[in-house]
């Protein structure tokens, strides 16, 4: 079972309210998961970067990628949803 997870929050710089809310949800989920012994690395990516667009195909922010796979795009997920997505990734 993989215990290391990389979560990327893809949004605009400076962050809009929706991107900030997404980052907050990811941080909340990460805090809960860390208590369960899961190691998370959280990175913020700029949706306007050509590299990010070509790597992920994300054109609408906010988006969340887990271990390199986009799981949420164009809406703000809840912390519970992010936690479920990460737990499913670990299965």
PDB file of N, CA and C in Angstrom:
ATOM      1  N   UNK A   1       0.843  -1.205   0.000  1.00  0.00           N
ATOM      2  CA  UNK A   1       0.000   0.000   0.000  1.00  0.00           C
ATOM      3  C   UNK A   1       0.875   1.250   0.000  1.00  0.00           C
ATOM      4  N   UNK A   2       0.622   2.108  -0.943  1.00  0.00           N
ATOM      5  CA  UNK A   2       1.375   3.358  -1.051  1.00  0.00           C
ATOM      6  C   UNK A   2       0.926   4.296   0.064  1.00  0.00           C
ATOM      7  N   UNK A   3       1.881   4.849   0.757  1.00  0.00           N
ATOM      8  CA  UNK A   3       1.535   5.770   1.834  1.00  0.00           C
ATOM      9  C   UNK A   3       1.953   7.202   1.502  1.00  0.00           C
ATOM     10  N   UNK A   4       2.616   7.388   0.352  1.00  0.00           N
ATOM     11  CA  UNK A   4       3.021   8.733  -0.057  1.00  0.00           C
ATOM     12  C   UNK A   4       2.124   9.201  -1.185  1.00  0.00           C
ATOM     13  N   UNK A   5       1.583  10.378  -1.016  1.00  0.00           N
ATOM     14  CA  UNK A   5       0.655  10.910  -2.008  1.00  0.00           C
ATOM     15  C   UNK A   5       1.071  12.326  -2.360  1.00  0.00           C
ATOM     16  N   UNK A   6       1.071  12.626  -3.658  1.00  0.00           N
ATOM     17  CA  UNK A   6       1.353  13.987  -4.104  1.00  0.00           C
ATOM     18  C   UNK A   6       0.043  14.597  -4.579  1.00  0.00           C
ATOM     19  N   UNK A   7      -0.340  15.701  -3.953  1.00  0.00           N
ATOM     20  CA  UNK A   7      -1.573  16.395  -4.305  1.00  0.00           C
ATOM     21  C   UNK A   7      -1.190  17.741  -4.892  1.00  0.00           C
ATOM     22  N   UNK A   8      -1.695  18.018  -6.091  1.00  0.00           N
ATOM     23  CA  UNK A   8      -1.415  19.298  -6.735  1.00  0.00           C
ATOM     24  C   UNK A   8      -2.707  20.089  -6.873  1.00  0.00           C
ATOM     25  N   UNK A   9      -2.666  21.310  -6.358  1.00  0.00           N
ATOM     26  CA  UNK A   9      -3.804  22.219  -6.474  1.00  0.00           C
ATOM     27  C   UNK A   9      -3.475  23.143  -7.638  1.00  0.00           C
ATOM     28  N   UNK A  10      -4.298  23.081  -8.671  1.00  0.00           N
ATOM     29  CA  UNK A  10      -4.033  23.842  -9.897  1.00  0.00           C
ATOM     30  C   UNK A  10      -5.007  25.012  -9.950  1.00  0.00           C
ATOM     31  N   UNK A  11      -4.460  26.216  -9.963  1.00  0.00           N
ATOM     32  CA  UNK A  11      -5.304  27.408  -9.980  1.00  0.00           C
ATOM     33  C   UNK A  11      -4.557  28.601 -10.533  1.00  0.00           C
ATOM     34  N   UNK A  12      -5.159  29.762 -10.369  1.00  0.00           N
ATOM     35  CA  UNK A  12      -4.556  30.995 -10.889  1.00  0.00           C
ATOM     36  C   UNK A  12      -3.683  31.634  -9.812  1.00  0.00           C
ATOM     37  N   UNK A  13      -2.743  32.460 -10.252  1.00  0.00           N
ATOM     38  CA  UNK A  13      -1.898  33.243  -9.351  1.00  0.00           C
ATOM     39  C   UNK A  13      -2.124  34.711  -9.659  1.00  0.00           C
ATOM     40  N   UNK A  14      -2.404  35.565  -8.680  1.00  0.00           N
ATOM     41  CA  UNK A  14      -2.673  35.177  -7.291  1.00  0.00           C
ATOM     42  C   UNK A  14      -3.980  34.393  -7.202  1.00  0.00           C
ATOM     43  N   UNK A  15      -4.127  33.550  -6.150  1.00  0.00           N
ATOM     44  CA  UNK A  15      -5.291  32.662  -6.068  1.00  0.00           C
ATOM     45  C   UNK A  15      -6.618  33.412  -5.943  1.00  0.00           C
ATOM     46  N   UNK A  16      -7.600  32.953  -6.702  1.00  0.00           N
ATOM     47  CA  UNK A  16      -8.955  33.506  -6.612  1.00  0.00           C
ATOM     48  C   UNK A  16      -9.640  32.861  -5.401  1.00  0.00           C
ATOM     49  N   UNK A  17     -10.785  33.363  -4.968  1.00  0.00           N
ATOM     50  CA  UNK A  17     -11.477  32.766  -3.814  1.00  0.00           C
ATOM     51  C   UNK A  17     -11.757  31.269  -3.982  1.00  0.00           C
ATOM     52  N   UNK A  18     -12.105  30.839  -5.185  1.00  0.00           N
ATOM     53  CA  UNK A  18     -12.392  29.412  -5.420  1.00  0.00           C
ATOM     54  C   UNK A  18     -11.125  28.571  -5.293  1.00  0.00           C
ATOM     55  N   UNK A  19     -10.014  29.113  -5.789  1.00  0.00           N
ATOM     56  CA  UNK A  19      -8.738  28.388  -5.683  1.00  0.00           C
ATOM     57  C   UNK A  19      -8.286  28.332  -4.222  1.00  0.00           C
ATOM     58  N   UNK A  20      -8.507  29.420  -3.494  1.00  0.00           N
ATOM     59  CA  UNK A  20      -8.157  29.438  -2.067  1.00  0.00           C
ATOM     60  C   UNK A  20      -8.996  28.422  -1.308  1.00  0.00           C
ATOM     61  N   UNK A  21     -10.285  28.335  -1.627  1.00  0.00           N
ATOM     62  CA  UNK A  21     -11.190  27.386  -0.964  1.00  0.00           C
ATOM     63  C   UNK A  21     -10.762  25.949  -1.273  1.00  0.00           C
ATOM     64  N   UNK A  22     -10.320  25.709  -2.501  1.00  0.00           N
ATOM     65  CA  UNK A  22      -9.851  24.373  -2.887  1.00  0.00           C
ATOM     66  C   UNK A  22      -8.596  24.006  -2.111  1.00  0.00           C
ATOM     67  N   UNK A  23      -7.660  24.946  -2.013  1.00  0.00           N
ATOM     68  CA  UNK A  23      -6.411  24.694  -1.270  1.00  0.00           C
ATOM     69  C   UNK A  23      -6.727  24.422   0.201  1.00  0.00           C
ATOM     70  N   UNK A  24      -7.685  25.160   0.757  1.00  0.00           N
ATOM     71  CA  UNK A  24      -8.076  24.982   2.158  1.00  0.00           C
ATOM     72  C   UNK A  24      -8.672  23.571   2.355  1.00  0.00           C
ATOM     73  N   UNK A  25      -9.509  23.128   1.409  1.00  0.00           N
ATOM     74  CA  UNK A  25     -10.113  21.793   1.489  1.00  0.00           C
ATOM     75  C   UNK A  25      -9.023  20.714   1.429  1.00  0.00           C
ATOM     76  N   UNK A  26      -8.044  20.914   0.555  1.00  0.00           N
ATOM     77  CA  UNK A  26      -6.938  19.953   0.435  1.00  0.00           C
ATOM     78  C   UNK A  26      -6.130  19.925   1.735  1.00  0.00           C
ATOM     79  N   UNK A  27      -5.862  21.103   2.301  1.00  0.00           N
ATOM     80  CA  UNK A  27      -5.108  21.179   3.563  1.00  0.00           C
ATOM     81  C   UNK A  27      -5.851  20.470   4.698  1.00  0.00           C
ATOM     82  N   UNK A  28      -7.174  20.666   4.760  1.00  0.00           N
ATOM     83  CA  UNK A  28      -7.985  20.012   5.803  1.00  0.00           C
ATOM     84  C   UNK A  28      -7.937  18.493   5.648  1.00  0.00           C
ATOM     85  N   UNK A  29      -8.111  18.018   4.426  1.00  0.00           N
ATOM     86  CA  UNK A  29      -8.069  16.575   4.166  1.00  0.00           C
ATOM     87  C   UNK A  29      -6.687  16.027   4.506  1.00  0.00           C
ATOM     88  N   UNK A  30      -5.648  16.766   4.151  1.00  0.00           N
ATOM     89  CA  UNK A  30      -4.273  16.333   4.403  1.00  0.00           C
ATOM     90  C   UNK A  30      -4.006  16.206   5.895  1.00  0.00           C
ATOM     91  N   UNK A  31      -4.524  17.144   6.651  1.00  0.00           N
ATOM     92  CA  UNK A  31      -4.326  17.113   8.101  1.00  0.00           C
ATOM     93  C   UNK A  31      -4.933  15.840   8.699  1.00  0.00           C
ATOM     94  N   UNK A  32      -6.139  15.506   8.267  1.00  0.00           N
ATOM     95  CA  UNK A  32      -6.803  14.284   8.754  1.00  0.00           C
ATOM     96  C   UNK A  32      -6.031  13.033   8.344  1.00  0.00           C
ATOM     97  N   UNK A  33      -5.578  13.015   7.094  1.00  0.00           N
ATOM     98  CA  UNK A  33      -4.888  11.837   6.574  1.00  0.00           C
ATOM     99  C   UNK A  33      -3.513  11.661   7.224  1.00  0.00           C
ATOM    100  N   UNK A  34      -2.860  12.789   7.539  1.00  0.00           N
ATOM    101  CA  UNK A  34      -1.551  12.698   8.205  1.00  0.00           C
ATOM    102  C   UNK A  34      -1.701  12.043   9.573  1.00  0.00           C
ATOM    103  N   UNK A  35      -2.825  12.326  10.248  1.00  0.00           N
ATOM    104  CA  UNK A  35      -3.084  11.706  11.549  1.00  0.00           C
ATOM    105  C   UNK A  35      -3.242  10.193  11.396  1.00  0.00           C
ATOM    106  N   UNK A  36      -3.645   9.751  10.203  1.00  0.00           N
ATOM    107  CA  UNK A  36      -3.806   8.323   9.913  1.00  0.00           C
ATOM    108  C   UNK A  36      -2.499   7.713   9.393  1.00  0.00           C
ATOM    109  N   UNK A  37      -1.421   8.503   9.418  1.00  0.00           N
ATOM    110  CA  UNK A  37      -0.113   7.986   9.026  1.00  0.00           C
ATOM    111  C   UNK A  37       0.180   8.042   7.540  1.00  0.00           C
ATOM    112  N   UNK A  38      -0.578   8.848   6.806  1.00  0.00           N
ATOM    113  CA  UNK A  38      -0.360   8.969   5.362  1.00  0.00           C
ATOM    114  C   UNK A  38       0.443  10.243   5.105  1.00  0.00           C
ATOM    115  N   UNK A  39       1.506  10.114   4.343  1.00  0.00           N
ATOM    116  CA  UNK A  39       2.385  11.241   4.050  1.00  0.00           C
ATOM    117  C   UNK A  39       1.917  11.926   2.762  1.00  0.00           C
ATOM    118  N   UNK A  40       1.646  13.221   2.863  1.00  0.00           N
ATOM    119  CA  UNK A  40       1.185  13.970   1.689  1.00  0.00           C
ATOM    120  C   UNK A  40       2.121  15.114   1.369  1.00  0.00           C
ATOM    121  N   UNK A  41       2.335  15.283   0.080  1.00  0.00           N
ATOM    122  CA  UNK A  41       3.089  16.436  -0.409  1.00  0.00           C
ATOM    123  C   UNK A  41       2.081  17.274  -1.194  1.00  0.00           C
ATOM    124  N   UNK A  42       1.945  18.539  -0.803  1.00  0.00           N
ATOM    125  CA  UNK A  42       0.979  19.407  -1.482  1.00  0.00           C
ATOM    126  C   UNK A  42       1.744  20.480  -2.241  1.00  0.00           C
ATOM    127  N   UNK A  43       1.378  20.640  -3.505  1.00  0.00           N
ATOM    128  CA  UNK A  43       2.046  21.626  -4.343  1.00  0.00           C
ATOM    129  C   UNK A  43       0.984  22.462  -5.039  1.00  0.00           C
ATOM    130  N   UNK A  44       1.276  23.756  -5.192  1.00  0.00           N
ATOM    131  CA  UNK A  44       0.359  24.627  -5.920  1.00  0.00           C
ATOM    132  C   UNK A  44       0.930  24.860  -7.308  1.00  0.00           C
ATOM    133  N   UNK A  45       0.101  24.676  -8.317  1.00  0.00           N
ATOM    134  CA  UNK A  45       0.535  24.895  -9.701  1.00  0.00           C
ATOM    135  C   UNK A  45      -0.300  26.002 -10.326  1.00  0.00           C
ATOM    136  N   UNK A  46       0.313  26.729 -11.236  1.00  0.00           N
ATOM    137  CA  UNK A  46      -0.383  27.820 -11.913  1.00  0.00           C
ATOM    138  C   UNK A  46      -1.042  27.307 -13.192  1.00  0.00           C
ATOM    139  N   UNK A  47      -2.355  27.459 -13.265  1.00  0.00           N
ATOM    140  CA  UNK A  47      -3.117  26.973 -14.417  1.00  0.00           C
ATOM    141  C   UNK A  47      -2.728  27.718 -15.705  1.00  0.00           C
ATOM    142  N   UNK A  48      -2.113  28.886 -15.567  1.00  0.00           N
ATOM    143  CA  UNK A  48      -1.723  29.658 -16.744  1.00  0.00           C
ATOM    144  C   UNK A  48      -0.367  29.215 -17.306  1.00  0.00           C
ATOM    145  N   UNK A  49       0.302  28.309 -16.619  1.00  0.00           N
ATOM    146  CA  UNK A  49       1.599  27.813 -17.086  1.00  0.00           C
ATOM    147  C   UNK A  49       1.379  26.838 -18.246  1.00  0.00           C
ATOM    148  N   UNK A  50       2.124  27.030 -19.327  1.00  0.00           N
ATOM    149  CA  UNK A  50       2.001  26.146 -20.502  1.00  0.00           C
ATOM    150  C   UNK A  50       2.350  24.708 -20.124  1.00  0.00           C
ATOM    151  N   UNK A  51       3.330  24.552 -19.234  1.00  0.00           N
ATOM    152  CA  UNK A  51       3.755  23.230 -18.788  1.00  0.00           C
ATOM    153  C   UNK A  51       2.597  22.511 -18.084  1.00  0.00           C
ATOM    154  N   UNK A  52       1.892  23.230 -17.215  1.00  0.00           N
ATOM    155  CA  UNK A  52       0.772  22.638 -16.473  1.00  0.00           C
ATOM    156  C   UNK A  52      -0.351  22.250 -17.428  1.00  0.00           C
ATOM    157  N   UNK A  53      -0.668  23.141 -18.369  1.00  0.00           N
ATOM    158  CA  UNK A  53      -1.734  22.864 -19.336  1.00  0.00           C
ATOM    159  C   UNK A  53      -1.369  21.654 -20.200  1.00  0.00           C
ATOM    160  N   UNK A  54      -0.123  21.597 -20.660  1.00  0.00           N
ATOM    161  CA  UNK A  54       0.256  20.476 -21.528  1.00  0.00           C
ATOM    162  C   UNK A  54       0.343  19.167 -20.741  1.00  0.00           C
ATOM    163  N   UNK A  55       0.762  19.223 -19.480  1.00  0.00           N
ATOM    164  CA  UNK A  55       0.903  17.998 -18.681  1.00  0.00           C
ATOM    165  C   UNK A  55      -0.447  17.466 -18.229  1.00  0.00           C
ATOM    166  N   UNK A  56      -1.363  18.370 -17.843  1.00  0.00           N
ATOM    167  CA  UNK A  56      -2.635  17.928 -17.259  1.00  0.00           C
ATOM    168  C   UNK A  56      -3.854  18.177 -18.135  1.00  0.00           C
ATOM    169  N   UNK A  57      -3.734  19.058 -19.116  1.00  0.00           N
ATOM    170  CA  UNK A  57      -4.884  19.376 -19.955  1.00  0.00           C
ATOM    171  C   UNK A  57      -5.941  20.180 -19.207  1.00  0.00           C
ATOM    172  N   UNK A  58      -5.544  20.809 -18.117  1.00  0.00           N
ATOM    173  CA  UNK A  58      -6.488  21.577 -17.310  1.00  0.00           C
ATOM    174  C   UNK A  58      -6.648  22.965 -17.906  1.00  0.00           C
ATOM    175  N   UNK A  59      -7.884  23.307 -18.229  1.00  0.00           N
ATOM    176  CA  UNK A  59      -8.159  24.632 -18.774  1.00  0.00           C
ATOM    177  C   UNK A  59      -9.066  25.427 -17.850  1.00  0.00           C
ATOM    178  N   UNK A  60      -9.686  24.755 -16.888  1.00  0.00           N
ATOM    179  CA  UNK A  60     -10.614  25.407 -15.965  1.00  0.00           C
ATOM    180  C   UNK A  60     -10.101  25.191 -14.547  1.00  0.00           C
ATOM    181  N   UNK A  61      -9.991  26.290 -13.814  1.00  0.00           N
ATOM    182  CA  UNK A  61      -9.544  26.137 -12.428  1.00  0.00           C
ATOM    183  C   UNK A  61     -10.734  26.382 -11.501  1.00  0.00           C
ATOM    184  N   UNK A  62     -10.674  25.941 -10.275  1.00  0.00           N
ATOM    185  CA  UNK A  62      -9.578  25.172  -9.690  1.00  0.00           C
ATOM    186  C   UNK A  62      -9.637  23.703 -10.103  1.00  0.00           C
ATOM    187  N   UNK A  63      -8.482  23.054  -9.989  1.00  0.00           N
ATOM    188  CA  UNK A  63      -8.410  21.621 -10.261  1.00  0.00           C
ATOM    189  C   UNK A  63      -7.500  20.981  -9.222  1.00  0.00           C
ATOM    190  N   UNK A  64      -7.702  19.700  -9.013  1.00  0.00           N
ATOM    191  CA  UNK A  64      -6.879  18.955  -8.064  1.00  0.00           C
ATOM    192  C   UNK A  64      -6.401  17.681  -8.748  1.00  0.00           C
ATOM    193  N   UNK A  65      -5.080  17.476  -8.714  1.00  0.00           N
ATOM    194  CA  UNK A  65      -4.501  16.242  -9.251  1.00  0.00           C
ATOM    195  C   UNK A  65      -3.914  15.454  -8.090  1.00  0.00           C
ATOM    196  N   UNK A  66      -4.119  14.134  -8.114  1.00  0.00           N
ATOM    197  CA  UNK A  66      -3.561  13.255  -7.097  1.00  0.00           C
ATOM    198  C   UNK A  66      -2.636  12.273  -7.809  1.00  0.00           C
ATOM    199  N   UNK A  67      -1.372  12.269  -7.398  1.00  0.00           N
ATOM    200  CA  UNK A  67      -0.350  11.423  -8.023  1.00  0.00           C
ATOM    201  C   UNK A  67      -0.364  11.561  -9.553  1.00  0.00           C
ATOM    202  N   UNK A  68      -0.486  12.806 -10.014  1.00  0.00           N
ATOM    203  CA  UNK A  68      -0.383  13.083 -11.448  1.00  0.00           C
ATOM    204  C   UNK A  68      -1.649  12.892 -12.257  1.00  0.00           C
ATOM    205  N   UNK A  69      -2.760  12.550 -11.595  1.00  0.00           N
ATOM    206  CA  UNK A  69      -4.025  12.345 -12.311  1.00  0.00           C
ATOM    207  C   UNK A  69      -5.045  13.375 -11.826  1.00  0.00           C
ATOM    208  N   UNK A  70      -5.628  14.124 -12.767  1.00  0.00           N
ATOM    209  CA  UNK A  70      -6.629  15.132 -12.403  1.00  0.00           C
ATOM    210  C   UNK A  70      -7.888  14.430 -11.916  1.00  0.00           C
ATOM    211  N   UNK A  71      -8.317  14.782 -10.700  1.00  0.00           N
ATOM    212  CA  UNK A  71      -9.493  14.152 -10.095  1.00  0.00           C
ATOM    213  C   UNK A  71     -10.681  15.107 -10.000  1.00  0.00           C
ATOM    214  N   UNK A  72     -10.399  16.409  -9.934  1.00  0.00           N
ATOM    215  CA  UNK A  72     -11.454  17.419  -9.821  1.00  0.00           C
ATOM    216  C   UNK A  72     -11.054  18.578 -10.724  1.00  0.00           C
ATOM    217  N   UNK A  73     -12.021  19.099 -11.497  1.00  0.00           N
ATOM    218  CA  UNK A  73     -11.715  20.240 -12.354  1.00  0.00           C
ATOM    219  C   UNK A  73     -12.929  21.152 -12.468  1.00  0.00           C
ATOM    220  N   UNK A  74     -12.682  22.457 -12.310  1.00  0.00           N
ATOM    221  CA  UNK A  74     -13.718  23.453 -12.556  1.00  0.00           C
ATOM    222  C   UNK A  74     -14.699  23.673 -11.414  1.00  0.00           C
ATOM    223  N   UNK A  75     -14.405  23.115 -10.241  1.00  0.00           N
ATOM    224  CA  UNK A  75     -15.286  23.342  -9.093  1.00  0.00           C
ATOM    225  C   UNK A  75     -14.488  23.181  -7.807  1.00  0.00           C
ATOM    226  N   UNK A  76     -15.070  23.637  -6.708  1.00  0.00           N
ATOM    227  CA  UNK A  76     -14.415  23.539  -5.406  1.00  0.00           C
ATOM    228  C   UNK A  76     -14.888  22.260  -4.717  1.00  0.00           C
ATOM    229  N   UNK A  77     -13.962  21.333  -4.455  1.00  0.00           N
ATOM    230  CA  UNK A  77     -14.343  20.106  -3.757  1.00  0.00           C
ATOM    231  C   UNK A  77     -14.388  20.335  -2.248  1.00  0.00           C
ATOM    232  N   UNK A  78     -15.059  19.445  -1.540  1.00  0.00           N
ATOM    233  CA  UNK A  78     -15.061  19.519  -0.076  1.00  0.00           C
ATOM    234  C   UNK A  78     -13.833  18.767   0.441  1.00  0.00           C
ATOM    235  N   UNK A  79     -13.479  19.031   1.693  1.00  0.00           N
ATOM    236  CA  UNK A  79     -12.359  18.309   2.315  1.00  0.00           C
ATOM    237  C   UNK A  79     -12.669  16.811   2.353  1.00  0.00           C
ATOM    238  N   UNK A  80     -13.936  16.474   2.610  1.00  0.00           N
ATOM    239  CA  UNK A  80     -14.340  15.068   2.659  1.00  0.00           C
ATOM    240  C   UNK A  80     -14.141  14.392   1.303  1.00  0.00           C
ATOM    241  N   UNK A  81     -14.499  15.104   0.236  1.00  0.00           N
ATOM    242  CA  UNK A  81     -14.333  14.545  -1.117  1.00  0.00           C
ATOM    243  C   UNK A  81     -12.851  14.307  -1.426  1.00  0.00           C
ATOM    244  N   UNK A  82     -12.020  15.281  -1.089  1.00  0.00           N
ATOM    245  CA  UNK A  82     -10.573  15.146  -1.317  1.00  0.00           C
ATOM    246  C   UNK A  82     -10.035  13.954  -0.521  1.00  0.00           C
ATOM    247  N   UNK A  83     -10.468  13.843   0.723  1.00  0.00           N
ATOM    248  CA  UNK A  83     -10.013  12.732   1.571  1.00  0.00           C
ATOM    249  C   UNK A  83     -10.398  11.394   0.941  1.00  0.00           C
ATOM    250  N   UNK A  84     -11.648  11.283   0.447  1.00  0.00           N
ATOM    251  CA  UNK A  84     -12.118  10.050  -0.215  1.00  0.00           C
ATOM    252  C   UNK A  84     -11.280   9.736  -1.442  1.00  0.00           C
ATOM    253  N   UNK A  85     -11.007  10.765  -2.251  1.00  0.00           N
ATOM    254  CA  UNK A  85     -10.224  10.574  -3.480  1.00  0.00           C
ATOM    255  C   UNK A  85      -8.832  10.038  -3.130  1.00  0.00           C
ATOM    256  N   UNK A  86      -8.206  10.633  -2.097  1.00  0.00           N
ATOM    257  CA  UNK A  86      -6.865  10.196  -1.703  1.00  0.00           C
ATOM    258  C   UNK A  86      -6.915   8.776  -1.142  1.00  0.00           C
ATOM    259  N   UNK A  87      -7.905   8.497  -0.318  1.00  0.00           N
ATOM    260  CA  UNK A  87      -8.029   7.131   0.234  1.00  0.00           C
ATOM    261  C   UNK A  87      -8.252   6.111  -0.882  1.00  0.00           C
ATOM    262  N   UNK A  88      -9.076   6.466  -1.872  1.00  0.00           N
ATOM    263  CA  UNK A  88      -9.300   5.559  -3.010  1.00  0.00           C
ATOM    264  C   UNK A  88      -8.028   5.336  -3.802  1.00  0.00           C
ATOM    265  N   UNK A  89      -7.208   6.388  -3.918  1.00  0.00           N
ATOM    266  CA  UNK A  89      -5.935   6.286  -4.640  1.00  0.00           C
ATOM    267  C   UNK A  89      -4.992   5.304  -3.938  1.00  0.00           C
ATOM    268  N   UNK A  90      -5.107   5.254  -2.623  1.00  0.00           N
ATOM    269  CA  UNK A  90      -4.228   4.387  -1.829  1.00  0.00           C
ATOM    270  C   UNK A  90      -4.640   2.922  -1.839  1.00  0.00           C
ATOM    271  N   UNK A  91      -5.861   2.641  -2.282  1.00  0.00           N
ATOM    272  CA  UNK A  91      -6.350   1.246  -2.252  1.00  0.00           C
ATOM    273  C   UNK A  91      -5.675   0.391  -3.309  1.00  0.00           C
TER     274      UNK A  91
END
